[in-house]
C-alpha atoms as a PDB file:
ATOM      1  CA  UNK A   1      81.375 -75.395 153.217  1.00  0.00           C
ATOM      2  CA  UNK A   2      81.750 -76.294 156.828  1.00  0.00           C
ATOM      3  CA  UNK A   3      80.841 -74.734 160.163  1.00  0.00           C
ATOM      4  CA  UNK A   4      82.837 -74.267 163.378  1.00  0.00           C
ATOM      5  CA  UNK A   5      84.686 -77.151 164.989  1.00  0.00           C
ATOM      6  CA  UNK A   6      82.210 -79.480 166.650  1.00  0.00           C
ATOM      7  CA  UNK A   7      79.405 -78.701 164.179  1.00  0.00           C
ATOM      8  CA  UNK A   8      78.344 -81.451 161.862  1.00  0.00           C
ATOM      9  CA  UNK A   9      81.061 -81.184 159.173  1.00  0.00           C
ATOM     10  CA  UNK A  10      82.679 -78.378 161.238  1.00  0.00           C
ATOM     11  CA  UNK A  11      85.159 -75.759 160.076  1.00  0.00           C
ATOM     12  CA  UNK A  12      86.907 -73.362 162.410  1.00  0.00           C
ATOM     13  CA  UNK A  13      86.331 -69.701 161.627  1.00  0.00           C
ATOM     14  CA  UNK A  14      88.379 -66.926 163.278  1.00  0.00           C
ATOM     15  CA  UNK A  15      85.384 -65.788 165.333  1.00  0.00           C
ATOM     16  CA  UNK A  16      84.369 -69.272 166.436  1.00  0.00           C
ATOM     17  CA  UNK A  17      87.936 -70.289 167.278  1.00  0.00           C
ATOM     18  CA  UNK A  18      88.367 -67.595 169.907  1.00  0.00           C
ATOM     19  CA  UNK A  19      84.797 -67.535 171.219  1.00  0.00           C
ATOM     20  CA  UNK A  20      84.805 -70.025 174.123  1.00  0.00           C
ATOM     21  CA  UNK A  21      81.023 -69.734 174.523  1.00  0.00           C
ATOM     22  CA  UNK A  22      80.716 -71.643 171.243  1.00  0.00           C
ATOM     23  CA  UNK A  23      82.648 -74.687 172.472  1.00  0.00           C
ATOM     24  CA  UNK A  24      80.557 -77.664 173.602  1.00  0.00           C
ATOM     25  CA  UNK A  25      80.204 -78.008 177.382  1.00  0.00           C
ATOM     26  CA  UNK A  26      82.968 -80.645 177.614  1.00  0.00           C
ATOM     27  CA  UNK A  27      84.721 -83.173 175.414  1.00  0.00           C
ATOM     28  CA  UNK A  28      82.298 -85.796 174.158  1.00  0.00           C
ATOM     29  CA  UNK A  29      79.302 -83.837 175.436  1.00  0.00           C
ATOM     30  CA  UNK A  30      76.134 -84.193 173.404  1.00  0.00           C
ATOM     31  CA  UNK A  31      74.665 -81.044 174.913  1.00  0.00           C
ATOM     32  CA  UNK A  32      75.666 -77.822 173.160  1.00  0.00           C
ATOM     33  CA  UNK A  33      75.034 -74.218 174.057  1.00  0.00           C
ATOM     34  CA  UNK A  34      72.238 -72.503 172.120  1.00  0.00           C
ATOM     35  CA  UNK A  35      74.752 -70.066 170.671  1.00  0.00           C
ATOM     36  CA  UNK A  36      76.858 -72.972 169.399  1.00  0.00           C
ATOM     37  CA  UNK A  37      73.790 -74.576 167.775  1.00  0.00           C
ATOM     38  CA  UNK A  38      72.937 -71.273 166.100  1.00  0.00           C
ATOM     39  CA  UNK A  39      76.466 -70.847 164.761  1.00  0.00           C
ATOM     40  CA  UNK A  40      76.411 -74.419 163.450  1.00  0.00           C
ATOM     41  CA  UNK A  41      73.121 -73.808 161.654  1.00  0.00           C
ATOM     42  CA  UNK A  42      74.261 -70.481 160.207  1.00  0.00           C
ATOM     43  CA  UNK A  43      77.642 -71.835 159.138  1.00  0.00           C
ATOM     44  CA  UNK A  44      75.859 -74.308 156.874  1.00  0.00           C
ATOM     45  CA  UNK A  45      72.951 -72.063 155.791  1.00  0.00           C
ATOM     46  CA  UNK A  46      74.792 -68.803 155.029  1.00  0.00           C
ATOM     47  CA  UNK A  47      77.161 -70.235 152.368  1.00  0.00           C
ATOM     48  CA  UNK A  48      74.237 -71.937 150.640  1.00  0.00           C
ATOM     49  CA  UNK A  49      72.241 -68.694 150.690  1.00  0.00           C
ATOM     50  CA  UNK A  50      75.301 -66.842 149.406  1.00  0.00           C
ATOM     51  CA  UNK A  51      75.683 -69.324 146.549  1.00  0.00           C
ATOM     52  CA  UNK A  52      72.000 -68.959 145.671  1.00  0.00           C
ATOM     53  CA  UNK A  53      72.351 -65.156 145.646  1.00  0.00           C
ATOM     54  CA  UNK A  54      75.500 -65.425 143.532  1.00  0.00           C
ATOM     55  CA  UNK A  55      73.706 -67.613 140.979  1.00  0.00           C
ATOM     56  CA  UNK A  56      70.689 -65.279 140.922  1.00  0.00           C
ATOM     57  CA  UNK A  57      72.924 -62.264 140.258  1.00  0.00           C
ATOM     58  CA  UNK A  58      74.756 -64.197 137.510  1.00  0.00           C
ATOM     59  CA  UNK A  59      71.385 -65.025 135.953  1.00  0.00           C
ATOM     60  CA  UNK A  60      70.338 -61.375 136.132  1.00  0.00           C
ATOM     61  CA  UNK A  61      73.625 -60.247 134.563  1.00  0.00           C
ATOM     62  CA  UNK A  62      73.524 -62.884 131.828  1.00  0.00           C
ATOM     63  CA  UNK A  63      69.881 -62.104 131.087  1.00  0.00           C
ATOM     64  CA  UNK A  64      70.744 -58.434 130.878  1.00  0.00           C
ATOM     65  CA  UNK A  65      73.630 -59.043 128.450  1.00  0.00           C
ATOM     66  CA  UNK A  66      71.429 -61.221 126.234  1.00  0.00           C
ATOM     67  CA  UNK A  67      68.556 -58.719 126.332  1.00  0.00           C
ATOM     68  CA  UNK A  68      70.902 -55.891 125.381  1.00  0.00           C
ATOM     69  CA  UNK A  69      72.232 -57.945 122.473  1.00  0.00           C
ATOM     70  CA  UNK A  70      68.662 -58.520 121.267  1.00  0.00           C
ATOM     71  CA  UNK A  71      67.538 -54.896 121.378  1.00  0.00           C
ATOM     72  CA  UNK A  72      70.875 -53.731 119.942  1.00  0.00           C
ATOM     73  CA  UNK A  73      70.306 -56.004 116.928  1.00  0.00           C
ATOM     74  CA  UNK A  74      66.610 -55.123 116.645  1.00  0.00           C
ATOM     75  CA  UNK A  75      67.309 -51.374 116.447  1.00  0.00           C
ATOM     76  CA  UNK A  76      70.528 -51.577 114.402  1.00  0.00           C
ATOM     77  CA  UNK A  77      70.520 -49.884 111.001  1.00  0.00           C
ATOM     78  CA  UNK A  78      67.065 -48.278 111.302  1.00  0.00           C
ATOM     79  CA  UNK A  79      68.200 -44.691 111.123  1.00  0.00           C
ATOM     80  CA  UNK A  80      69.697 -42.159 113.479  1.00  0.00           C
ATOM     81  CA  UNK A  81      66.537 -41.729 115.577  1.00  0.00           C
ATOM     82  CA  UNK A  82      66.680 -45.433 116.397  1.00  0.00           C
ATOM     83  CA  UNK A  83      70.421 -45.190 117.054  1.00  0.00           C
ATOM     84  CA  UNK A  84      69.721 -42.493 119.641  1.00  0.00           C
ATOM     85  CA  UNK A  85      66.962 -44.616 121.188  1.00  0.00           C
ATOM     86  CA  UNK A  86      69.307 -47.630 121.259  1.00  0.00           C
ATOM     87  CA  UNK A  87      72.074 -45.626 122.933  1.00  0.00           C
ATOM     88  CA  UNK A  88      69.728 -44.217 125.584  1.00  0.00           C
ATOM     89  CA  UNK A  89      68.051 -47.559 126.250  1.00  0.00           C
ATOM     90  CA  UNK A  90      71.364 -49.371 126.632  1.00  0.00           C
ATOM     91  CA  UNK A  91      72.682 -46.682 128.970  1.00  0.00           C
ATOM     92  CA  UNK A  92      69.576 -46.939 131.186  1.00  0.00           C
ATOM     93  CA  UNK A  93      69.806 -50.724 131.341  1.00  0.00           C
ATOM     94  CA  UNK A  94      73.495 -50.477 132.268  1.00  0.00           C
ATOM     95  CA  UNK A  95      72.854 -47.998 135.075  1.00  0.00           C
ATOM     96  CA  UNK A  96      69.816 -49.646 136.634  1.00  0.00           C
ATOM     97  CA  UNK A  97      70.371 -53.361 136.024  1.00  0.00           C
ATOM     98  CA  UNK A  98      73.707 -54.449 134.554  1.00  0.00           C
ATOM     99  CA  UNK A  99      76.145 -52.514 136.754  1.00  0.00           C
ATOM    100  CA  UNK A 100      74.371 -53.464 140.018  1.00  0.00           C
ATOM    101  CA  UNK A 101      74.152 -57.096 138.823  1.00  0.00           C
ATOM    102  CA  UNK A 102      77.821 -57.528 137.996  1.00  0.00           C
ATOM    103  CA  UNK A 103      78.913 -55.667 141.123  1.00  0.00           C
ATOM    104  CA  UNK A 104      76.757 -58.056 143.174  1.00  0.00           C
ATOM    105  CA  UNK A 105      78.356 -60.996 141.306  1.00  0.00           C
ATOM    106  CA  UNK A 106      81.817 -59.701 142.239  1.00  0.00           C
ATOM    107  CA  UNK A 107      80.869 -59.203 145.907  1.00  0.00           C
ATOM    108  CA  UNK A 108      79.156 -62.572 146.354  1.00  0.00           C
ATOM    109  CA  UNK A 109      81.827 -64.313 144.271  1.00  0.00           C
ATOM    110  CA  UNK A 110      84.569 -62.824 146.423  1.00  0.00           C
ATOM    111  CA  UNK A 111      82.818 -63.993 149.569  1.00  0.00           C
ATOM    112  CA  UNK A 112      82.421 -67.500 148.155  1.00  0.00           C
ATOM    113  CA  UNK A 113      86.026 -67.559 146.916  1.00  0.00           C
ATOM    114  CA  UNK A 114      87.277 -66.697 150.410  1.00  0.00           C
ATOM    115  CA  UNK A 115      85.554 -69.842 151.741  1.00  0.00           C
ATOM    116  CA  UNK A 116      86.403 -72.202 148.877  1.00  0.00           C
ATOM    117  CA  UNK A 117      89.083 -74.844 148.738  1.00  0.00           C
ATOM    118  CA  UNK A 118      91.725 -73.820 146.195  1.00  0.00           C
ATOM    119  CA  UNK A 119      91.825 -75.613 142.856  1.00  0.00           C
ATOM    120  CA  UNK A 120      93.015 -74.962 139.322  1.00  0.00           C
ATOM    121  CA  UNK A 121      89.439 -75.121 137.965  1.00  0.00           C
ATOM    122  CA  UNK A 122      88.255 -72.620 140.562  1.00  0.00           C
ATOM    123  CA  UNK A 123      91.054 -70.263 139.503  1.00  0.00           C
ATOM    124  CA  UNK A 124      90.035 -70.658 135.840  1.00  0.00           C
ATOM    125  CA  UNK A 125      86.411 -69.889 136.737  1.00  0.00           C
ATOM    126  CA  UNK A 126      87.431 -66.807 138.729  1.00  0.00           C
ATOM    127  CA  UNK A 127      89.750 -65.617 135.942  1.00  0.00           C
ATOM    128  CA  UNK A 128      86.968 -65.943 133.348  1.00  0.00           C
ATOM    129  CA  UNK A 129      84.518 -64.175 135.670  1.00  0.00           C
ATOM    130  CA  UNK A 130      86.938 -61.328 136.343  1.00  0.00           C
ATOM    131  CA  UNK A 131      87.655 -61.027 132.613  1.00  0.00           C
ATOM    132  CA  UNK A 132      83.906 -60.719 131.971  1.00  0.00           C
ATOM    133  CA  UNK A 133      83.563 -58.075 134.709  1.00  0.00           C
ATOM    134  CA  UNK A 134      86.562 -56.028 133.570  1.00  0.00           C
ATOM    135  CA  UNK A 135      85.571 -56.032 129.907  1.00  0.00           C
ATOM    136  CA  UNK A 136      81.966 -55.305 130.872  1.00  0.00           C
ATOM    137  CA  UNK A 137      83.271 -52.262 132.755  1.00  0.00           C
ATOM    138  CA  UNK A 138      85.021 -51.113 129.574  1.00  0.00           C
ATOM    139  CA  UNK A 139      81.780 -51.706 127.654  1.00  0.00           C
ATOM    140  CA  UNK A 140      79.868 -49.547 130.130  1.00  0.00           C
ATOM    141  CA  UNK A 141      82.335 -46.720 129.435  1.00  0.00           C
ATOM    142  CA  UNK A 142      81.827 -47.227 125.707  1.00  0.00           C
ATOM    143  CA  UNK A 143      78.031 -47.235 126.108  1.00  0.00           C
ATOM    144  CA  UNK A 144      78.187 -43.918 127.980  1.00  0.00           C
ATOM    145  CA  UNK A 145      80.557 -42.399 125.389  1.00  0.00           C
ATOM    146  CA  UNK A 146      78.363 -43.692 122.566  1.00  0.00           C
ATOM    147  CA  UNK A 147      75.266 -42.073 124.105  1.00  0.00           C
ATOM    148  CA  UNK A 148      77.164 -38.792 124.443  1.00  0.00           C
ATOM    149  CA  UNK A 149      78.260 -38.996 120.794  1.00  0.00           C
ATOM    150  CA  UNK A 150      74.673 -39.679 119.706  1.00  0.00           C
ATOM    151  CA  UNK A 151      73.315 -36.716 121.660  1.00  0.00           C
ATOM    152  CA  UNK A 152      75.969 -34.404 120.237  1.00  0.00           C
ATOM    153  CA  UNK A 153      75.303 -35.640 116.690  1.00  0.00           C
ATOM    154  CA  UNK A 154      78.828 -37.021 116.275  1.00  0.00           C
ATOM    155  CA  UNK A 155      77.705 -40.058 114.298  1.00  0.00           C
ATOM    156  CA  UNK A 156      81.171 -40.974 113.055  1.00  0.00           C
ATOM    157  CA  UNK A 157      82.354 -41.343 116.661  1.00  0.00           C
ATOM    158  CA  UNK A 158      79.108 -43.120 117.539  1.00  0.00           C
ATOM    159  CA  UNK A 159      79.720 -45.699 114.795  1.00  0.00           C
ATOM    160  CA  UNK A 160      83.332 -46.331 115.900  1.00  0.00           C
ATOM    161  CA  UNK A 161      82.314 -46.737 119.560  1.00  0.00           C
ATOM    162  CA  UNK A 162      79.364 -48.908 118.568  1.00  0.00           C
ATOM    163  CA  UNK A 163      81.617 -51.273 116.612  1.00  0.00           C
ATOM    164  CA  UNK A 164      84.124 -51.676 119.469  1.00  0.00           C
ATOM    165  CA  UNK A 165      81.369 -52.041 122.072  1.00  0.00           C
ATOM    166  CA  UNK A 166      79.745 -54.877 120.122  1.00  0.00           C
ATOM    167  CA  UNK A 167      83.064 -56.735 119.717  1.00  0.00           C
ATOM    168  CA  UNK A 168      83.868 -56.428 123.427  1.00  0.00           C
ATOM    169  CA  UNK A 169      80.294 -57.325 124.348  1.00  0.00           C
ATOM    170  CA  UNK A 170      80.794 -60.662 122.595  1.00  0.00           C
ATOM    171  CA  UNK A 171      83.915 -61.269 124.720  1.00  0.00           C
ATOM    172  CA  UNK A 172      81.908 -60.471 127.872  1.00  0.00           C
ATOM    173  CA  UNK A 173      79.266 -63.009 126.880  1.00  0.00           C
ATOM    174  CA  UNK A 174      81.829 -65.722 126.073  1.00  0.00           C
ATOM    175  CA  UNK A 175      83.794 -65.156 129.296  1.00  0.00           C
ATOM    176  CA  UNK A 176      80.596 -65.106 131.357  1.00  0.00           C
ATOM    177  CA  UNK A 177      79.348 -68.333 129.776  1.00  0.00           C
ATOM    178  CA  UNK A 178      82.789 -69.902 130.233  1.00  0.00           C
ATOM    179  CA  UNK A 179      82.877 -69.010 133.933  1.00  0.00           C
ATOM    180  CA  UNK A 180      79.320 -70.268 134.393  1.00  0.00           C
ATOM    181  CA  UNK A 181      80.130 -73.506 132.567  1.00  0.00           C
ATOM    182  CA  UNK A 182      83.227 -74.176 134.679  1.00  0.00           C
ATOM    183  CA  UNK A 183      81.268 -73.277 137.823  1.00  0.00           C
ATOM    184  CA  UNK A 184      78.477 -75.693 136.977  1.00  0.00           C
ATOM    185  CA  UNK A 185      81.012 -78.423 136.176  1.00  0.00           C
ATOM    186  CA  UNK A 186      82.632 -77.919 139.599  1.00  0.00           C
ATOM    187  CA  UNK A 187      79.334 -78.558 141.445  1.00  0.00           C
END
């Protein structure tokens, strides 16, 4: 990640390219305007902060997926009252933690992708991440439908949705771990 031209390791951004107040006083000048120094500092700091946020949101999402898998297994097969509890608990976790986490991963990942140098491995990482997000979105729909089936007493539908949701949840976990593994290997 590089900053505007003239910064240590400088990269030209659209804003810095056209903003003449950012250009050093003259060619070879050691003195730089305060605005230019600020842009240089931010151009290095912001991508690092963005990467840290991205990794934190991935950790939150992964932790959420693993936690859901644990309580799903712990409450599985303990009777319909526990099935209802499991459906409600999973729905709450999806609404308050998982959906915001994977949306934040998409936003920060998109911002990082826009700044990254293209590579085949980066494309593989992004594809795995997007697969995890898309299938997780399907799982959220299944979790909501499963909760509705549980509340209406439609246990046959609940069981069918539960089975599909668990299979797709495993794909989410594998794709998420794959994207994380490729991402860590790239660094």
